[in-house]
Amino acid sequence: TGFLSAATLALSAWAPSTMAAFTEYLSYTDWQ
C-alpha cells in the first residue's frame, strides 16, 4: 500500500488536474 501511495502521487505530477480527488479535514491532527 505504501508503494502504491507514493507511486500514485509521483505519477500525479504529470497527470491532468481534472483527475484530482480531494480529502477534506477539519482537524489539524488528522490532516498531519
PDB file of all heavy atoms in Angstrom:
ATOM      1  N   THR A   1       0.826  -1.201   0.000  1.00  0.00           N
ATOM      2  CA  THR A   1       0.000   0.000   0.000  1.00  0.00           C
ATOM      3  C   THR A   1       0.859   1.250   0.000  1.00  0.00           C
ATOM      4  O   THR A   1       0.577   2.221  -0.688  1.00  0.00           O
ATOM      5  CB  THR A   1      -0.915   0.011   1.232  1.00  0.00           C
ATOM      6  OG1 THR A   1      -1.712  -1.168   1.215  1.00  0.00           O
ATOM      7  CG2 THR A   1      -1.815   1.235   1.238  1.00  0.00           C
ATOM      8  N   GLY A   2       1.962   1.216   0.762  1.00  0.00           N
ATOM      9  CA  GLY A   2       2.843   2.382   0.817  1.00  0.00           C
ATOM     10  C   GLY A   2       3.456   2.696  -0.525  1.00  0.00           C
ATOM     11  O   GLY A   2       3.564   3.845  -0.927  1.00  0.00           O
ATOM     12  N   PHE A   3       3.859   1.640  -1.265  1.00  0.00           N
ATOM     13  CA  PHE A   3       4.439   1.859  -2.594  1.00  0.00           C
ATOM     14  C   PHE A   3       3.399   2.462  -3.522  1.00  0.00           C
ATOM     15  O   PHE A   3       3.667   3.393  -4.271  1.00  0.00           O
ATOM     16  CB  PHE A   3       4.956   0.543  -3.168  1.00  0.00           C
ATOM     17  CG  PHE A   3       5.486   0.692  -4.571  1.00  0.00           C
ATOM     18  CD1 PHE A   3       6.799   1.079  -4.787  1.00  0.00           C
ATOM     19  CD2 PHE A   3       4.666   0.464  -5.670  1.00  0.00           C
ATOM     20  CE1 PHE A   3       7.292   1.223  -6.074  1.00  0.00           C
ATOM     21  CE2 PHE A   3       5.156   0.618  -6.950  1.00  0.00           C
ATOM     22  CZ  PHE A   3       6.466   0.993  -7.150  1.00  0.00           C
ATOM     23  N   LEU A   4       2.185   1.923  -3.470  1.00  0.00           N
ATOM     24  CA  LEU A   4       1.134   2.434  -4.348  1.00  0.00           C
ATOM     25  C   LEU A   4       0.824   3.885  -4.050  1.00  0.00           C
ATOM     26  O   LEU A   4       0.612   4.690  -4.959  1.00  0.00           O
ATOM     27  CB  LEU A   4      -0.133   1.588  -4.181  1.00  0.00           C
ATOM     28  CG  LEU A   4      -0.112   0.212  -4.845  1.00  0.00           C
ATOM     29  CD1 LEU A   4      -1.363  -0.570  -4.468  1.00  0.00           C
ATOM     30  CD2 LEU A   4       0.000   0.344  -6.349  1.00  0.00           C
ATOM     31  N   SER A   5       0.812   4.243  -2.758  1.00  0.00           N
ATOM     32  CA  SER A   5       0.542   5.627  -2.389  1.00  0.00           C
ATOM     33  C   SER A   5       1.606   6.560  -2.945  1.00  0.00           C
ATOM     34  O   SER A   5       1.303   7.585  -3.545  1.00  0.00           O
ATOM     35  CB  SER A   5       0.477   5.742  -0.866  1.00  0.00           C
ATOM     36  OG  SER A   5       0.305   7.084  -0.481  1.00  0.00           O
ATOM     37  N   ALA A   6       2.880   6.205  -2.763  1.00  0.00           N
ATOM     38  CA  ALA A   6       3.969   7.045  -3.265  1.00  0.00           C
ATOM     39  C   ALA A   6       3.973   7.079  -4.786  1.00  0.00           C
ATOM     40  O   ALA A   6       4.191   8.124  -5.393  1.00  0.00           O
ATOM     41  CB  ALA A   6       5.308   6.519  -2.746  1.00  0.00           C
ATOM     42  N   ALA A   7       3.724   5.930  -5.402  1.00  0.00           N
ATOM     43  CA  ALA A   7       3.727   5.866  -6.864  1.00  0.00           C
ATOM     44  C   ALA A   7       2.593   6.705  -7.443  1.00  0.00           C
ATOM     45  O   ALA A   7       2.764   7.410  -8.438  1.00  0.00           O
ATOM     46  CB  ALA A   7       3.584   4.420  -7.319  1.00  0.00           C
ATOM     47  N   THR A   8       1.429   6.637  -6.804  1.00  0.00           N
ATOM     48  CA  THR A   8       0.283   7.416  -7.285  1.00  0.00           C
ATOM     49  C   THR A   8       0.581   8.890  -7.239  1.00  0.00           C
ATOM     50  O   THR A   8       0.305   9.640  -8.176  1.00  0.00           O
ATOM     51  CB  THR A   8      -0.965   7.109  -6.429  1.00  0.00           C
ATOM     52  OG1 THR A   8      -1.259   5.722  -6.540  1.00  0.00           O
ATOM     53  CG2 THR A   8      -2.155   7.921  -6.907  1.00  0.00           C
ATOM     54  N   LEU A   9       1.166   9.356  -6.126  1.00  0.00           N
ATOM     55  CA  LEU A   9       1.492  10.767  -6.006  1.00  0.00           C
ATOM     56  C   LEU A   9       2.563  11.181  -7.002  1.00  0.00           C
ATOM     57  O   LEU A   9       2.513  12.258  -7.579  1.00  0.00           O
ATOM     58  CB  LEU A   9       1.953  11.081  -4.585  1.00  0.00           C
ATOM     59  CG  LEU A   9       0.839  11.219  -3.555  1.00  0.00           C
ATOM     60  CD1 LEU A   9       1.419  11.290  -2.158  1.00  0.00           C
ATOM     61  CD2 LEU A   9      -0.005  12.438  -3.844  1.00  0.00           C
ATOM     62  N   ALA A  10       3.549  10.321  -7.225  1.00  0.00           N
ATOM     63  CA  ALA A  10       4.604  10.645  -8.185  1.00  0.00           C
ATOM     64  C   ALA A  10       4.042  10.757  -9.592  1.00  0.00           C
ATOM     65  O   ALA A  10       4.346  11.678 -10.338  1.00  0.00           O
ATOM     66  CB  ALA A  10       5.685   9.576  -8.135  1.00  0.00           C
ATOM     67  N   LEU A  11       3.203   9.790  -9.974  1.00  0.00           N
ATOM     68  CA  LEU A  11       2.603   9.833 -11.299  1.00  0.00           C
ATOM     69  C   LEU A  11       1.687  11.026 -11.460  1.00  0.00           C
ATOM     70  O   LEU A  11       1.538  11.580 -12.547  1.00  0.00           O
ATOM     71  CB  LEU A  11       1.813   8.538 -11.542  1.00  0.00           C
ATOM     72  CG  LEU A  11       2.655   7.292 -11.830  1.00  0.00           C
ATOM     73  CD1 LEU A  11       1.764   6.052 -11.762  1.00  0.00           C
ATOM     74  CD2 LEU A  11       3.324   7.388 -13.179  1.00  0.00           C
ATOM     75  N   SER A  12       1.063  11.463 -10.361  1.00  0.00           N
ATOM     76  CA  SER A  12       0.096  12.555 -10.448  1.00  0.00           C
ATOM     77  C   SER A  12       0.739  13.870 -10.850  1.00  0.00           C
ATOM     78  O   SER A  12       0.067  14.789 -11.298  1.00  0.00           O
ATOM     79  CB  SER A  12      -0.624  12.719  -9.112  1.00  0.00           C
ATOM     80  OG  SER A  12       0.247  13.241  -8.132  1.00  0.00           O
ATOM     81  N   ALA A  13       2.055  14.003 -10.671  1.00  0.00           N
ATOM     82  CA  ALA A  13       2.730  15.234 -11.075  1.00  0.00           C
ATOM     83  C   ALA A  13       2.595  15.473 -12.564  1.00  0.00           C
ATOM     84  O   ALA A  13       2.658  16.599 -13.036  1.00  0.00           O
ATOM     85  CB  ALA A  13       4.211  15.174 -10.690  1.00  0.00           C
ATOM     86  N   TRP A  14       2.396  14.398 -13.329  1.00  0.00           N
ATOM     87  CA  TRP A  14       2.263  14.512 -14.784  1.00  0.00           C
ATOM     88  C   TRP A  14       0.826  14.258 -15.242  1.00  0.00           C
ATOM     89  O   TRP A  14       0.563  14.231 -16.430  1.00  0.00           O
ATOM     90  CB  TRP A  14       3.203  13.520 -15.469  1.00  0.00           C
ATOM     91  CG  TRP A  14       4.630  13.937 -15.316  1.00  0.00           C
ATOM     92  CD1 TRP A  14       5.365  14.699 -16.170  1.00  0.00           C
ATOM     93  CD2 TRP A  14       5.495  13.630 -14.217  1.00  0.00           C
ATOM     94  NE1 TRP A  14       6.628  14.880 -15.673  1.00  0.00           N
ATOM     95  CE2 TRP A  14       6.751  14.238 -14.495  1.00  0.00           C
ATOM     96  CE3 TRP A  14       5.357  12.911 -13.033  1.00  0.00           C
ATOM     97  CZ2 TRP A  14       7.829  14.136 -13.631  1.00  0.00           C
ATOM     98  CZ3 TRP A  14       6.440  12.818 -12.173  1.00  0.00           C
ATOM     99  CH2 TRP A  14       7.654  13.424 -12.476  1.00  0.00           C
ATOM    100  N   ALA A  15      -0.102  14.080 -14.307  1.00  0.00           N
ATOM    101  CA  ALA A  15      -1.477  13.756 -14.661  1.00  0.00           C
ATOM    102  C   ALA A  15      -2.311  15.025 -14.783  1.00  0.00           C
ATOM    103  O   ALA A  15      -1.998  16.042 -14.176  1.00  0.00           O
ATOM    104  CB  ALA A  15      -2.099  12.844 -13.602  1.00  0.00           C
ATOM    105  N   PRO A  16      -3.389  15.011 -15.548  1.00  0.00           N
ATOM    106  CA  PRO A  16      -4.259  16.175 -15.670  1.00  0.00           C
ATOM    107  C   PRO A  16      -4.904  16.509 -14.333  1.00  0.00           C
ATOM    108  O   PRO A  16      -5.318  15.626 -13.593  1.00  0.00           O
ATOM    109  CB  PRO A  16      -5.324  15.714 -16.690  1.00  0.00           C
ATOM    110  CG  PRO A  16      -4.721  14.542 -17.383  1.00  0.00           C
ATOM    111  CD  PRO A  16      -3.820  13.884 -16.388  1.00  0.00           C
ATOM    112  N   SER A  17      -4.996  17.825 -14.021  1.00  0.00           N
ATOM    113  CA  SER A  17      -5.538  18.234 -12.739  1.00  0.00           C
ATOM    114  C   SER A  17      -7.006  17.866 -12.591  1.00  0.00           C
ATOM    115  O   SER A  17      -7.518  17.761 -11.480  1.00  0.00           O
ATOM    116  CB  SER A  17      -5.359  19.746 -12.550  1.00  0.00           C
ATOM    117  OG  SER A  17      -6.016  20.460 -13.577  1.00  0.00           O
ATOM    118  N   THR A  18      -7.729  17.671 -13.709  1.00  0.00           N
ATOM    119  CA  THR A  18      -9.142  17.323 -13.622  1.00  0.00           C
ATOM    120  C   THR A  18      -9.355  15.933 -13.032  1.00  0.00           C
ATOM    121  O   THR A  18     -10.468  15.569 -12.692  1.00  0.00           O
ATOM    122  CB  THR A  18      -9.793  17.388 -15.017  1.00  0.00           C
ATOM    123  OG1 THR A  18      -9.015  16.595 -15.934  1.00  0.00           O
ATOM    124  CG2 THR A  18      -9.847  18.821 -15.517  1.00  0.00           C
ATOM    125  N   MET A  19      -8.286  15.142 -12.904  1.00  0.00           N
ATOM    126  CA  MET A  19      -8.400  13.817 -12.332  1.00  0.00           C
ATOM    127  C   MET A  19      -8.270  13.839 -10.806  1.00  0.00           C
ATOM    128  O   MET A  19      -8.366  12.806 -10.156  1.00  0.00           O
ATOM    129  CB  MET A  19      -7.320  12.897 -12.925  1.00  0.00           C
ATOM    130  CG  MET A  19      -7.457  12.641 -14.402  1.00  0.00           C
ATOM    131  SD  MET A  19      -6.020  11.753 -15.065  1.00  0.00           S
ATOM    132  CE  MET A  19      -6.055  10.251 -14.067  1.00  0.00           C
ATOM    133  N   ALA A  20      -8.051  15.009 -10.233  1.00  0.00           N
ATOM    134  CA  ALA A  20      -7.776  15.105  -8.802  1.00  0.00           C
ATOM    135  C   ALA A  20      -8.980  14.701  -7.964  1.00  0.00           C
ATOM    136  O   ALA A  20     -10.122  14.992  -8.291  1.00  0.00           O
ATOM    137  CB  ALA A  20      -7.350  16.525  -8.448  1.00  0.00           C
ATOM    138  N   ALA A  21      -8.686  14.014  -6.864  1.00  0.00           N
ATOM    139  CA  ALA A  21      -9.681  13.715  -5.836  1.00  0.00           C
ATOM    140  C   ALA A  21      -9.143  14.285  -4.529  1.00  0.00           C
ATOM    141  O   ALA A  21      -7.957  14.146  -4.224  1.00  0.00           O
ATOM    142  CB  ALA A  21      -9.908  12.212  -5.725  1.00  0.00           C
ATOM    143  N   PHE A  22     -10.006  14.935  -3.765  1.00  0.00           N
ATOM    144  CA  PHE A  22      -9.583  15.627  -2.551  1.00  0.00           C
ATOM    145  C   PHE A  22     -10.220  15.006  -1.319  1.00  0.00           C
ATOM    146  O   PHE A  22     -11.355  14.544  -1.358  1.00  0.00           O
ATOM    147  CB  PHE A  22      -9.966  17.109  -2.625  1.00  0.00           C
ATOM    148  CG  PHE A  22      -9.414  17.828  -3.824  1.00  0.00           C
ATOM    149  CD1 PHE A  22     -10.199  18.026  -4.949  1.00  0.00           C
ATOM    150  CD2 PHE A  22      -8.112  18.300  -3.831  1.00  0.00           C
ATOM    151  CE1 PHE A  22      -9.698  18.680  -6.064  1.00  0.00           C
ATOM    152  CE2 PHE A  22      -7.601  18.947  -4.946  1.00  0.00           C
ATOM    153  CZ  PHE A  22      -8.397  19.138  -6.062  1.00  0.00           C
ATOM    154  N   THR A  23      -9.465  15.023  -0.235  1.00  0.00           N
ATOM    155  CA  THR A  23      -9.986  14.632   1.066  1.00  0.00           C
ATOM    156  C   THR A  23      -9.881  15.836   1.987  1.00  0.00           C
ATOM    157  O   THR A  23      -8.820  16.460   2.089  1.00  0.00           O
ATOM    158  CB  THR A  23      -9.199  13.449   1.659  1.00  0.00           C
ATOM    159  OG1 THR A  23      -9.246  12.353   0.745  1.00  0.00           O
ATOM    160  CG2 THR A  23      -9.808  13.017   2.988  1.00  0.00           C
ATOM    161  N   GLU A  24     -10.979  16.176   2.652  1.00  0.00           N
ATOM    162  CA  GLU A  24     -11.040  17.374   3.477  1.00  0.00           C
ATOM    163  C   GLU A  24     -10.874  17.023   4.960  1.00  0.00           C
ATOM    164  O   GLU A  24     -11.318  15.971   5.402  1.00  0.00           O
ATOM    165  CB  GLU A  24     -12.377  18.081   3.252  1.00  0.00           C
ATOM    166  CG  GLU A  24     -12.639  18.426   1.799  1.00  0.00           C
ATOM    167  CD  GLU A  24     -14.127  18.485   1.490  1.00  0.00           C
ATOM    168  OE1 GLU A  24     -14.880  18.949   2.366  1.00  0.00           O
ATOM    169  OE2 GLU A  24     -14.525  18.060   0.393  1.00  0.00           O
ATOM    170  N   TYR A  25     -10.253  17.943   5.700  1.00  0.00           N
ATOM    171  CA  TYR A  25     -10.001  17.725   7.122  1.00  0.00           C
ATOM    172  C   TYR A  25     -10.365  18.982   7.913  1.00  0.00           C
ATOM    173  O   TYR A  25      -9.966  20.087   7.556  1.00  0.00           O
ATOM    174  CB  TYR A  25      -8.525  17.386   7.364  1.00  0.00           C
ATOM    175  CG  TYR A  25      -8.092  16.121   6.674  1.00  0.00           C
ATOM    176  CD1 TYR A  25      -7.590  16.147   5.369  1.00  0.00           C
ATOM    177  CD2 TYR A  25      -8.210  14.883   7.312  1.00  0.00           C
ATOM    178  CE1 TYR A  25      -7.208  14.984   4.729  1.00  0.00           C
ATOM    179  CE2 TYR A  25      -7.831  13.712   6.673  1.00  0.00           C
ATOM    180  CZ  TYR A  25      -7.336  13.768   5.384  1.00  0.00           C
ATOM    181  OH  TYR A  25      -6.964  12.618   4.741  1.00  0.00           O
ATOM    182  N   LEU A  26     -11.113  18.779   8.979  1.00  0.00           N
ATOM    183  CA  LEU A  26     -11.445  19.863   9.898  1.00  0.00           C
ATOM    184  C   LEU A  26     -10.610  19.764  11.175  1.00  0.00           C
ATOM    185  O   LEU A  26     -10.745  20.600  12.073  1.00  0.00           O
ATOM    186  CB  LEU A  26     -12.935  19.835  10.237  1.00  0.00           C
ATOM    187  CG  LEU A  26     -13.891  19.972   9.038  1.00  0.00           C
ATOM    188  CD1 LEU A  26     -15.336  19.936   9.516  1.00  0.00           C
ATOM    189  CD2 LEU A  26     -13.619  21.260   8.274  1.00  0.00           C
ATOM    190  N   SER A  27      -9.758  18.753  11.234  1.00  0.00           N
ATOM    191  CA  SER A  27      -8.860  18.546  12.375  1.00  0.00           C
ATOM    192  C   SER A  27      -7.421  18.672  11.891  1.00  0.00           C
ATOM    193  O   SER A  27      -7.009  17.984  10.951  1.00  0.00           O
ATOM    194  CB  SER A  27      -9.088  17.163  12.994  1.00  0.00           C
ATOM    195  OG  SER A  27      -7.989  16.783  13.814  1.00  0.00           O
ATOM    196  N   TYR A  28      -6.655  19.511  12.569  1.00  0.00           N
ATOM    197  CA  TYR A  28      -5.248  19.690  12.213  1.00  0.00           C
ATOM    198  C   TYR A  28      -4.467  18.398  12.410  1.00  0.00           C
ATOM    199  O   TYR A  28      -3.634  18.019  11.581  1.00  0.00           O
ATOM    200  CB  TYR A  28      -4.666  20.823  13.062  1.00  0.00           C
ATOM    201  CG  TYR A  28      -3.194  21.096  12.844  1.00  0.00           C
ATOM    202  CD1 TYR A  28      -2.642  21.083  11.567  1.00  0.00           C
ATOM    203  CD2 TYR A  28      -2.363  21.394  13.922  1.00  0.00           C
ATOM    204  CE1 TYR A  28      -1.296  21.357  11.367  1.00  0.00           C
ATOM    205  CE2 TYR A  28      -1.013  21.677  13.730  1.00  0.00           C
ATOM    206  CZ  TYR A  28      -0.489  21.648  12.458  1.00  0.00           C
ATOM    207  OH  TYR A  28       0.843  21.917  12.258  1.00  0.00           O
ATOM    208  N   THR A  29      -4.744  17.696  13.490  1.00  0.00           N
ATOM    209  CA  THR A  29      -4.047  16.439  13.761  1.00  0.00           C
ATOM    210  C   THR A  29      -4.332  15.398  12.694  1.00  0.00           C
ATOM    211  O   THR A  29      -3.421  14.700  12.224  1.00  0.00           O
ATOM    212  CB  THR A  29      -4.444  15.890  15.140  1.00  0.00           C
ATOM    213  OG1 THR A  29      -4.105  16.853  16.151  1.00  0.00           O
ATOM    214  CG2 THR A  29      -3.731  14.575  15.437  1.00  0.00           C
ATOM    215  N   ASP A  30      -5.590  15.293  12.290  1.00  0.00           N
ATOM    216  CA  ASP A  30      -5.948  14.330  11.241  1.00  0.00           C
ATOM    217  C   ASP A  30      -5.256  14.676   9.928  1.00  0.00           C
ATOM    218  O   ASP A  30      -4.802  13.782   9.195  1.00  0.00           O
ATOM    219  CB  ASP A  30      -7.467  14.296  11.042  1.00  0.00           C
ATOM    220  CG  ASP A  30      -8.198  13.659  12.217  1.00  0.00           C
ATOM    221  OD1 ASP A  30      -7.529  13.012  13.051  1.00  0.00           O
ATOM    222  OD2 ASP A  30      -9.430  13.828  12.299  1.00  0.00           O
ATOM    223  N   TRP A  31      -5.188  15.959   9.627  1.00  0.00           N
ATOM    224  CA  TRP A  31      -4.506  16.396   8.393  1.00  0.00           C
ATOM    225  C   TRP A  31      -3.025  16.035   8.448  1.00  0.00           C
ATOM    226  O   TRP A  31      -2.469  15.518   7.473  1.00  0.00           O
ATOM    227  CB  TRP A  31      -4.691  17.901   8.210  1.00  0.00           C
ATOM    228  CG  TRP A  31      -4.036  18.468   6.991  1.00  0.00           C
ATOM    229  CD1 TRP A  31      -4.562  18.545   5.732  1.00  0.00           C
ATOM    230  CD2 TRP A  31      -2.722  19.034   6.907  1.00  0.00           C
ATOM    231  NE1 TRP A  31      -3.653  19.126   4.878  1.00  0.00           N
ATOM    232  CE2 TRP A  31      -2.525  19.442   5.567  1.00  0.00           C
ATOM    233  CE3 TRP A  31      -1.705  19.247   7.833  1.00  0.00           C
ATOM    234  CZ2 TRP A  31      -1.342  20.036   5.143  1.00  0.00           C
ATOM    235  CZ3 TRP A  31      -0.524  19.838   7.409  1.00  0.00           C
ATOM    236  CH2 TRP A  31      -0.351  20.234   6.067  1.00  0.00           C
ATOM    237  N   GLN A  32      -2.391  16.285   9.580  1.00  0.00           N
ATOM    238  CA  GLN A  32      -0.970  15.953   9.734  1.00  0.00           C
ATOM    239  C   GLN A  32      -0.721  14.456   9.548  1.00  0.00           C
ATOM    240  O   GLN A  32       0.269  14.050   8.942  1.00  0.00           O
ATOM    241  CB  GLN A  32      -0.472  16.376  11.114  1.00  0.00           C
ATOM    242  CG  GLN A  32      -0.250  17.867  11.268  1.00  0.00           C
ATOM    243  CD  GLN A  32       0.316  18.208  12.625  1.00  0.00           C
ATOM    244  OE1 GLN A  32      -0.252  17.868  13.657  1.00  0.00           O
ATOM    245  NE2 GLN A  32       1.452  18.886  12.634  1.00  0.00           N
TER     246      GLN A  32
END
